[in-house]
N, C-alpha and C. Protein backbone atom coordinates (compact mmCIF):
# COMPACT_ATOMS: atom_id res chain seq x y z
N UNK A 1 14.80 92.79 124.83
CA UNK A 1 16.06 92.06 124.77
C UNK A 1 16.31 91.64 123.32
N UNK A 2 17.51 91.90 122.86
CA UNK A 2 17.85 91.57 121.49
C UNK A 2 18.30 90.12 121.38
N UNK A 3 18.07 89.56 120.22
CA UNK A 3 18.49 88.19 119.99
C UNK A 3 20.01 88.10 119.92
N UNK A 4 20.54 86.96 120.28
CA UNK A 4 21.98 86.77 120.27
C UNK A 4 22.53 86.77 118.85
N UNK A 5 21.77 86.30 117.89
CA UNK A 5 22.22 86.22 116.50
C UNK A 5 21.95 87.51 115.74
N UNK A 6 21.71 88.62 116.44
CA UNK A 6 21.30 89.85 115.78
C UNK A 6 22.40 90.52 114.98
N UNK A 7 23.64 90.17 115.17
CA UNK A 7 24.74 90.72 114.40
C UNK A 7 25.43 89.60 113.62
N UNK A 8 24.83 89.16 112.53
CA UNK A 8 25.39 88.00 111.83
C UNK A 8 26.77 88.26 111.24
N UNK A 9 27.12 89.50 110.96
CA UNK A 9 28.44 89.77 110.38
C UNK A 9 29.55 89.41 111.35
N UNK A 10 29.31 89.55 112.65
CA UNK A 10 30.33 89.15 113.62
C UNK A 10 30.56 87.65 113.60
N UNK A 11 29.47 86.91 113.48
CA UNK A 11 29.60 85.45 113.42
C UNK A 11 30.22 85.01 112.10
N UNK A 12 29.95 85.74 111.03
CA UNK A 12 30.57 85.42 109.74
C UNK A 12 32.08 85.63 109.83
N UNK A 13 32.51 86.70 110.47
CA UNK A 13 33.94 86.95 110.65
C UNK A 13 34.56 85.85 111.51
N UNK A 14 33.88 85.43 112.57
CA UNK A 14 34.39 84.35 113.42
C UNK A 14 34.47 83.04 112.64
N UNK A 15 33.47 82.76 111.82
CA UNK A 15 33.49 81.53 111.01
C UNK A 15 34.64 81.57 110.01
N UNK A 16 34.86 82.72 109.37
CA UNK A 16 36.00 82.85 108.46
C UNK A 16 37.30 82.66 109.24
N UNK A 17 37.36 83.25 110.43
CA UNK A 17 38.54 83.11 111.27
C UNK A 17 38.82 81.66 111.62
N UNK A 18 37.80 80.90 111.94
CA UNK A 18 37.97 79.52 112.36
C UNK A 18 38.14 78.53 111.22
N UNK A 19 37.53 78.80 110.06
CA UNK A 19 37.51 77.80 109.00
C UNK A 19 38.31 78.15 107.76
N UNK A 20 38.54 79.43 107.50
CA UNK A 20 39.29 79.82 106.31
C UNK A 20 40.76 80.09 106.64
N UNK A 21 41.00 80.81 107.71
CA UNK A 21 42.38 81.16 108.08
C UNK A 21 43.25 79.91 108.28
N UNK A 22 42.80 78.86 108.96
CA UNK A 22 43.67 77.68 109.13
C UNK A 22 44.02 76.98 107.81
N UNK A 23 43.22 77.17 106.79
CA UNK A 23 43.55 76.53 105.52
C UNK A 23 44.77 77.17 104.86
N UNK A 24 45.20 78.33 105.34
CA UNK A 24 46.40 78.99 104.82
C UNK A 24 47.68 78.50 105.48
N UNK A 25 47.57 77.62 106.45
CA UNK A 25 48.75 77.11 107.15
C UNK A 25 49.54 76.21 106.20
N UNK A 26 50.83 76.51 106.07
CA UNK A 26 51.68 75.72 105.19
C UNK A 26 52.75 74.94 105.94
N UNK A 27 53.22 75.50 107.04
CA UNK A 27 54.24 74.82 107.83
C UNK A 27 54.04 75.18 109.30
N UNK A 28 54.92 74.71 110.15
CA UNK A 28 54.78 74.94 111.58
C UNK A 28 54.85 76.42 111.94
N UNK A 29 55.75 77.15 111.32
CA UNK A 29 55.89 78.58 111.61
C UNK A 29 54.64 79.37 111.26
N UNK A 30 54.11 79.13 110.07
CA UNK A 30 52.88 79.84 109.70
C UNK A 30 51.71 79.38 110.55
N UNK A 31 51.72 78.12 110.95
CA UNK A 31 50.65 77.61 111.82
C UNK A 31 50.65 78.29 113.17
N UNK A 32 51.82 78.49 113.73
CA UNK A 32 51.93 79.15 115.02
C UNK A 32 51.45 80.59 114.91
N UNK A 33 51.91 81.29 113.88
CA UNK A 33 51.52 82.69 113.70
C UNK A 33 50.01 82.80 113.48
N UNK A 34 49.47 81.99 112.60
CA UNK A 34 48.04 82.09 112.30
C UNK A 34 47.16 81.64 113.46
N UNK A 35 47.48 80.49 114.03
CA UNK A 35 46.61 79.95 115.07
C UNK A 35 46.72 80.71 116.40
N UNK A 36 47.92 81.09 116.76
CA UNK A 36 48.10 81.68 118.08
C UNK A 36 48.00 83.20 118.09
N UNK A 37 48.31 83.84 116.97
CA UNK A 37 48.28 85.30 116.97
C UNK A 37 47.10 85.84 116.17
N UNK A 38 47.04 85.51 114.89
CA UNK A 38 46.01 86.10 114.02
C UNK A 38 44.60 85.68 114.46
N UNK A 39 44.39 84.39 114.62
CA UNK A 39 43.05 83.93 114.99
C UNK A 39 42.63 84.46 116.36
N UNK A 40 43.57 84.52 117.29
CA UNK A 40 43.26 85.03 118.62
C UNK A 40 42.90 86.51 118.57
N UNK A 41 43.66 87.29 117.82
CA UNK A 41 43.36 88.72 117.70
C UNK A 41 42.02 88.97 117.02
N UNK A 42 41.74 88.23 115.96
CA UNK A 42 40.45 88.41 115.27
C UNK A 42 39.30 88.06 116.22
N UNK A 43 39.43 86.97 116.96
CA UNK A 43 38.39 86.60 117.91
C UNK A 43 38.22 87.66 118.99
N UNK A 44 39.31 88.18 119.51
CA UNK A 44 39.23 89.20 120.56
C UNK A 44 38.58 90.48 120.03
N UNK A 45 38.94 90.91 118.83
CA UNK A 45 38.37 92.13 118.25
C UNK A 45 36.87 91.95 117.98
N UNK A 46 36.48 90.81 117.43
CA UNK A 46 35.05 90.59 117.19
C UNK A 46 34.28 90.48 118.51
N UNK A 47 34.91 89.95 119.53
CA UNK A 47 34.26 89.87 120.84
C UNK A 47 34.07 91.26 121.45
N UNK A 48 35.07 92.12 121.28
CA UNK A 48 34.93 93.50 121.73
C UNK A 48 33.81 94.19 120.97
N UNK A 49 33.76 93.98 119.65
CA UNK A 49 32.70 94.59 118.85
C UNK A 49 31.32 94.11 119.30
N UNK A 50 31.21 92.82 119.61
CA UNK A 50 29.95 92.30 120.11
C UNK A 50 29.59 92.94 121.44
N UNK A 51 30.57 93.07 122.32
CA UNK A 51 30.32 93.69 123.62
C UNK A 51 29.92 95.15 123.49
N UNK A 52 30.52 95.85 122.54
CA UNK A 52 30.15 97.25 122.30
C UNK A 52 28.72 97.37 121.80
N UNK A 53 28.32 96.45 120.94
CA UNK A 53 26.99 96.53 120.34
C UNK A 53 25.89 95.95 121.22
N UNK A 54 26.18 94.86 121.92
CA UNK A 54 25.13 94.15 122.65
C UNK A 54 25.34 94.06 124.15
N UNK A 55 26.47 94.51 124.65
CA UNK A 55 26.73 94.38 126.08
C UNK A 55 27.23 92.99 126.41
N UNK A 56 27.35 92.72 127.68
CA UNK A 56 27.85 91.43 128.13
C UNK A 56 26.75 90.38 128.03
N UNK A 57 27.01 89.38 127.24
CA UNK A 57 26.06 88.28 127.06
C UNK A 57 26.80 86.96 127.24
N UNK A 58 26.26 86.09 128.05
CA UNK A 58 26.90 84.80 128.28
C UNK A 58 26.75 83.88 127.08
N UNK A 59 25.78 84.13 126.20
CA UNK A 59 25.56 83.27 125.05
C UNK A 59 26.69 83.38 124.02
N UNK A 60 27.28 84.56 123.90
CA UNK A 60 28.29 84.77 122.87
C UNK A 60 29.48 83.82 123.01
N UNK A 61 30.13 83.73 124.16
CA UNK A 61 31.25 82.78 124.26
C UNK A 61 30.83 81.33 124.03
N UNK A 62 29.64 80.98 124.43
CA UNK A 62 29.16 79.61 124.21
C UNK A 62 29.00 79.33 122.72
N UNK A 63 28.43 80.27 121.99
CA UNK A 63 28.27 80.10 120.54
C UNK A 63 29.62 80.04 119.86
N UNK A 64 30.56 80.88 120.29
CA UNK A 64 31.91 80.87 119.71
C UNK A 64 32.57 79.51 119.94
N UNK A 65 32.45 78.98 121.14
CA UNK A 65 33.03 77.67 121.43
C UNK A 65 32.39 76.59 120.57
N UNK A 66 31.08 76.64 120.42
CA UNK A 66 30.40 75.65 119.58
C UNK A 66 30.82 75.76 118.11
N UNK A 67 31.09 76.98 117.67
CA UNK A 67 31.59 77.16 116.30
C UNK A 67 33.02 76.66 116.15
N UNK A 68 33.79 76.70 117.23
CA UNK A 68 35.20 76.29 117.16
C UNK A 68 35.39 74.78 117.25
N UNK A 69 34.54 74.07 117.93
CA UNK A 69 34.74 72.63 118.17
C UNK A 69 34.99 71.83 116.89
N UNK A 70 34.23 72.03 115.81
CA UNK A 70 34.52 71.25 114.59
C UNK A 70 35.89 71.50 113.98
N UNK A 71 36.49 72.66 114.23
CA UNK A 71 37.81 72.93 113.66
C UNK A 71 38.88 72.02 114.23
N UNK A 72 38.67 71.53 115.44
CA UNK A 72 39.64 70.60 116.02
C UNK A 72 39.70 69.32 115.20
N UNK A 73 38.55 68.85 114.74
CA UNK A 73 38.51 67.63 113.95
C UNK A 73 38.96 67.87 112.51
N UNK A 74 38.80 69.10 112.02
CA UNK A 74 39.16 69.41 110.63
C UNK A 74 40.63 69.77 110.49
N UNK A 75 41.14 70.67 111.35
CA UNK A 75 42.47 71.23 111.17
C UNK A 75 43.49 70.81 112.21
N UNK A 76 43.06 70.36 113.35
CA UNK A 76 43.99 70.11 114.47
C UNK A 76 43.99 68.64 114.83
N UNK A 77 44.65 68.33 115.93
CA UNK A 77 44.64 66.98 116.45
C UNK A 77 44.09 66.98 117.87
N UNK A 78 44.09 65.85 118.50
CA UNK A 78 43.47 65.72 119.81
C UNK A 78 44.16 66.56 120.89
N UNK A 79 45.39 66.94 120.67
CA UNK A 79 46.08 67.74 121.67
C UNK A 79 45.61 69.20 121.69
N UNK A 80 44.74 69.57 120.80
CA UNK A 80 44.27 70.96 120.70
C UNK A 80 42.97 71.21 121.46
N UNK A 81 42.54 70.29 122.28
CA UNK A 81 41.29 70.50 123.02
C UNK A 81 41.35 71.69 123.96
N UNK A 82 42.56 72.03 124.45
CA UNK A 82 42.68 73.18 125.34
C UNK A 82 42.29 74.47 124.63
N UNK A 83 42.37 74.50 123.30
CA UNK A 83 42.00 75.70 122.55
C UNK A 83 40.51 76.01 122.68
N UNK A 84 39.69 75.03 122.97
CA UNK A 84 38.26 75.29 123.20
C UNK A 84 38.11 76.21 124.40
N UNK A 85 38.79 75.87 125.47
CA UNK A 85 38.72 76.68 126.69
C UNK A 85 39.29 78.08 126.44
N UNK A 86 40.41 78.13 125.74
CA UNK A 86 41.03 79.44 125.49
C UNK A 86 40.14 80.30 124.59
N UNK A 87 39.48 79.71 123.61
CA UNK A 87 38.56 80.48 122.76
C UNK A 87 37.40 81.03 123.58
N UNK A 88 36.86 80.22 124.46
CA UNK A 88 35.78 80.68 125.33
C UNK A 88 36.21 81.81 126.24
N UNK A 89 37.41 81.68 126.80
CA UNK A 89 37.92 82.73 127.70
C UNK A 89 38.19 84.01 126.92
N UNK A 90 38.80 83.90 125.76
CA UNK A 90 39.08 85.09 124.94
C UNK A 90 37.79 85.77 124.53
N UNK A 91 36.79 84.99 124.12
CA UNK A 91 35.50 85.57 123.73
C UNK A 91 34.82 86.24 124.92
N UNK A 92 34.88 85.61 126.08
CA UNK A 92 34.26 86.20 127.28
C UNK A 92 34.97 87.47 127.71
N UNK A 93 36.31 87.46 127.68
CA UNK A 93 37.07 88.65 128.06
C UNK A 93 36.84 89.80 127.08
N UNK A 94 36.84 89.51 125.78
CA UNK A 94 36.58 90.54 124.79
C UNK A 94 35.18 91.10 124.91
N UNK A 95 34.22 90.24 125.15
CA UNK A 95 32.84 90.67 125.33
C UNK A 95 32.70 91.55 126.56
N UNK A 96 33.34 91.16 127.65
CA UNK A 96 33.29 91.95 128.88
C UNK A 96 34.00 93.29 128.69
N UNK A 97 35.13 93.29 127.99
CA UNK A 97 35.87 94.52 127.74
C UNK A 97 35.06 95.48 126.88
N UNK A 98 34.40 94.96 125.83
CA UNK A 98 33.55 95.80 125.00
C UNK A 98 32.38 96.36 125.78
N UNK A 99 31.80 95.55 126.64
CA UNK A 99 30.70 96.01 127.48
C UNK A 99 31.18 97.08 128.46
N UNK A 100 32.36 96.90 129.02
CA UNK A 100 32.94 97.88 129.93
C UNK A 100 33.21 99.20 129.21
N UNK A 101 33.72 99.13 127.99
CA UNK A 101 33.95 100.34 127.21
C UNK A 101 32.65 101.09 126.95
N UNK A 102 31.58 100.35 126.69
CA UNK A 102 30.28 100.98 126.47
C UNK A 102 29.83 101.71 127.72
N UNK A 103 29.99 101.08 128.87
CA UNK A 103 29.61 101.73 130.14
C UNK A 103 30.43 102.97 130.40
N UNK A 104 31.72 102.93 130.11
CA UNK A 104 32.59 104.08 130.34
C UNK A 104 32.19 105.24 129.44
N UNK A 105 31.95 104.96 128.17
CA UNK A 105 31.63 106.04 127.22
C UNK A 105 30.23 106.58 127.42
N UNK A 106 29.32 105.81 127.95
CA UNK A 106 27.97 106.31 128.21
C UNK A 106 27.93 107.28 129.37
N UNK A 107 28.83 107.14 130.34
CA UNK A 107 28.85 108.02 131.51
C UNK A 107 29.37 109.40 131.18
N UNK A 108 30.15 109.53 130.12
CA UNK A 108 30.71 110.83 129.78
C UNK A 108 29.75 111.67 128.99
């Protein structure tokens, strides 16, 4: 069994996504685009990549959520707590989708 932290580049991309991308927010419009579209897509793509490389792991969404929690205190306000749940769901869905793709391609 491989360690959960075995692909550090994926976690580095997620950390950049959570901590660097929000610093580019200048107004409400850019905040909506960055937080709801760009960050979500980057998280989903990295989750698929993790699923392709490691299969379905329950640890990955938990680690992603733990990495996201401090961003609420740094960049957001208290009304953004729902984003924790959405990040976990997006990470779990991307991980499951990547794992499913691996199973499909292995059968052929």
